[in-house]
């Protein structure tokens, strides 16, 4: 299981990345994250929805209510152009962090 702190830190780029693939609603986003992580990252409604609301307030995503085939209304989220730019920025930051960790771990594993 991936720690809650690391899961929380990666929430923004993960959600933006999922929405870049296509519009989605909360439950489907949670399911996709679990699938992509092989079950190692778990999101709850209480963890996901505040982040979705913050991303919407920051104009990185937008939402609309939709009824699919007579089912109850669902709130679908869509990445905006600003959100796509933010995703590129987030990706660059994560590449840098990964590079630092790989450098540290590479040195550690060769010196032991």
Protein backbone atom coordinates (compact mmCIF):
# COMPACT_ATOMS: atom_id res chain seq x y z
CA UNK A 1 0.00 0.00 0.00
CA UNK A 2 1.29 3.47 -0.89
CA UNK A 3 1.36 5.88 2.07
CA UNK A 4 -1.44 8.40 2.46
CA UNK A 5 1.05 11.29 2.29
CA UNK A 6 2.46 10.17 -1.06
CA UNK A 7 -1.02 9.40 -2.34
CA UNK A 8 -2.18 12.89 -1.34
CA UNK A 9 0.87 14.54 -2.94
CA UNK A 10 0.21 12.81 -6.26
CA UNK A 11 -3.55 13.41 -6.36
CA UNK A 12 -3.51 16.51 -8.57
CA UNK A 13 -1.42 15.10 -11.45
CA UNK A 14 -3.21 11.76 -11.27
CA UNK A 15 -6.68 13.31 -11.49
CA UNK A 16 -5.65 15.70 -14.26
CA UNK A 17 -4.02 12.80 -16.13
CA UNK A 18 -7.15 10.68 -15.88
CA UNK A 19 -9.35 13.55 -17.05
CA UNK A 20 -7.00 14.24 -19.96
CA UNK A 21 -7.96 10.76 -21.19
CA UNK A 22 -11.65 11.71 -21.08
CA UNK A 23 -14.46 13.06 -18.93
CA UNK A 24 -15.30 11.06 -15.83
CA UNK A 25 -17.22 11.13 -12.57
CA UNK A 26 -16.01 10.57 -9.02
CA UNK A 27 -16.62 6.85 -8.58
CA UNK A 28 -15.03 6.09 -11.95
CA UNK A 29 -11.98 8.20 -11.07
CA UNK A 30 -11.55 6.27 -7.80
CA UNK A 31 -11.91 2.98 -9.67
CA UNK A 32 -9.38 4.04 -12.34
CA UNK A 33 -6.78 5.06 -9.73
CA UNK A 34 -7.16 1.71 -7.98
CA UNK A 35 -6.83 -0.10 -11.32
CA UNK A 36 -3.79 1.91 -12.46
CA UNK A 37 -2.01 1.37 -9.12
CA UNK A 38 -2.78 -2.32 -8.92
CA UNK A 39 -4.78 -1.62 -5.78
CA UNK A 40 -1.88 0.09 -4.01
CA UNK A 41 -3.54 3.53 -3.95
CA UNK A 42 -6.93 3.86 -2.33
CA UNK A 43 -9.05 6.97 -2.54
CA UNK A 44 -12.25 7.52 -0.63
CA UNK A 45 -15.07 9.90 -1.49
CA UNK A 46 -13.95 12.07 1.42
CA UNK A 47 -10.48 12.34 -0.06
CA UNK A 48 -11.37 12.77 -3.74
CA UNK A 49 -14.25 15.24 -3.78
CA UNK A 50 -12.51 18.06 -1.90
CA UNK A 51 -9.65 17.83 -4.42
CA UNK A 52 -12.09 17.87 -7.35
CA UNK A 53 -13.79 20.95 -5.88
CA UNK A 54 -10.42 22.69 -5.39
CA UNK A 55 -9.32 21.87 -8.96
CA UNK A 56 -12.62 23.23 -10.23
CA UNK A 57 -12.22 26.41 -8.18
CA UNK A 58 -8.71 26.83 -9.65
CA UNK A 59 -10.24 26.43 -13.17
CA UNK A 60 -8.17 23.29 -13.94
CA UNK A 61 -11.35 21.27 -14.40
CA UNK A 62 -15.03 21.99 -14.97
CA UNK A 63 -18.10 19.93 -14.26
CA UNK A 64 -21.61 19.37 -15.47
CA UNK A 65 -24.50 17.18 -14.40
CA UNK A 66 -25.48 14.47 -16.90
CA UNK A 67 -28.13 11.79 -16.99
CA UNK A 68 -27.05 8.58 -18.67
CA UNK A 69 -29.83 6.39 -19.99
CA UNK A 70 -32.42 7.28 -17.39
CA UNK A 71 -30.08 6.72 -14.45
CA UNK A 72 -29.67 9.24 -11.68
CA UNK A 73 -27.76 12.42 -12.52
CA UNK A 74 -23.97 12.22 -12.29
CA UNK A 75 -21.50 15.07 -12.04
CA UNK A 76 -18.93 14.62 -14.79
CA UNK A 77 -15.56 16.36 -14.65
CA UNK A 78 -13.58 17.59 -17.65
CA UNK A 79 -10.05 18.99 -17.83
CA UNK A 80 -9.79 22.56 -19.12
CA UNK A 81 -7.04 24.08 -21.26
CA UNK A 82 -5.60 25.62 -18.11
CA UNK A 83 -5.73 22.17 -16.51
CA UNK A 84 -3.78 20.69 -19.44
CA UNK A 85 -1.11 23.35 -18.97
CA UNK A 86 -1.01 22.60 -15.25
CA UNK A 87 -0.64 18.89 -15.99
CA UNK A 88 2.45 19.61 -18.13
CA UNK A 89 3.84 21.67 -15.23
CA UNK A 90 3.07 18.87 -12.74
CA UNK A 91 4.68 16.26 -15.01
CA UNK A 92 7.90 18.30 -15.20
CA UNK A 93 8.02 18.56 -11.41
CA UNK A 94 7.48 14.83 -10.92
CA UNK A 95 10.20 14.04 -13.46
CA UNK A 96 12.59 16.22 -11.43
CA UNK A 97 11.63 14.56 -8.13
CA UNK A 98 11.99 11.10 -9.69
CA UNK A 99 15.39 12.05 -11.08
CA UNK A 100 16.63 13.13 -7.65
CA UNK A 101 15.36 9.92 -6.04
CA UNK A 102 16.88 7.73 -8.75
CA UNK A 103 20.20 9.50 -8.32
CA UNK A 104 20.11 9.03 -4.55
CA UNK A 105 19.03 5.42 -4.70
CA UNK A 106 21.50 4.61 -7.45
CA UNK A 107 24.36 5.96 -5.32
CA UNK A 108 23.05 4.16 -2.25
CA UNK A 109 22.74 0.80 -3.98
CA UNK A 110 26.24 1.00 -5.54
CA UNK A 111 27.95 2.03 -2.29
CA UNK A 112 26.54 -0.81 -0.19
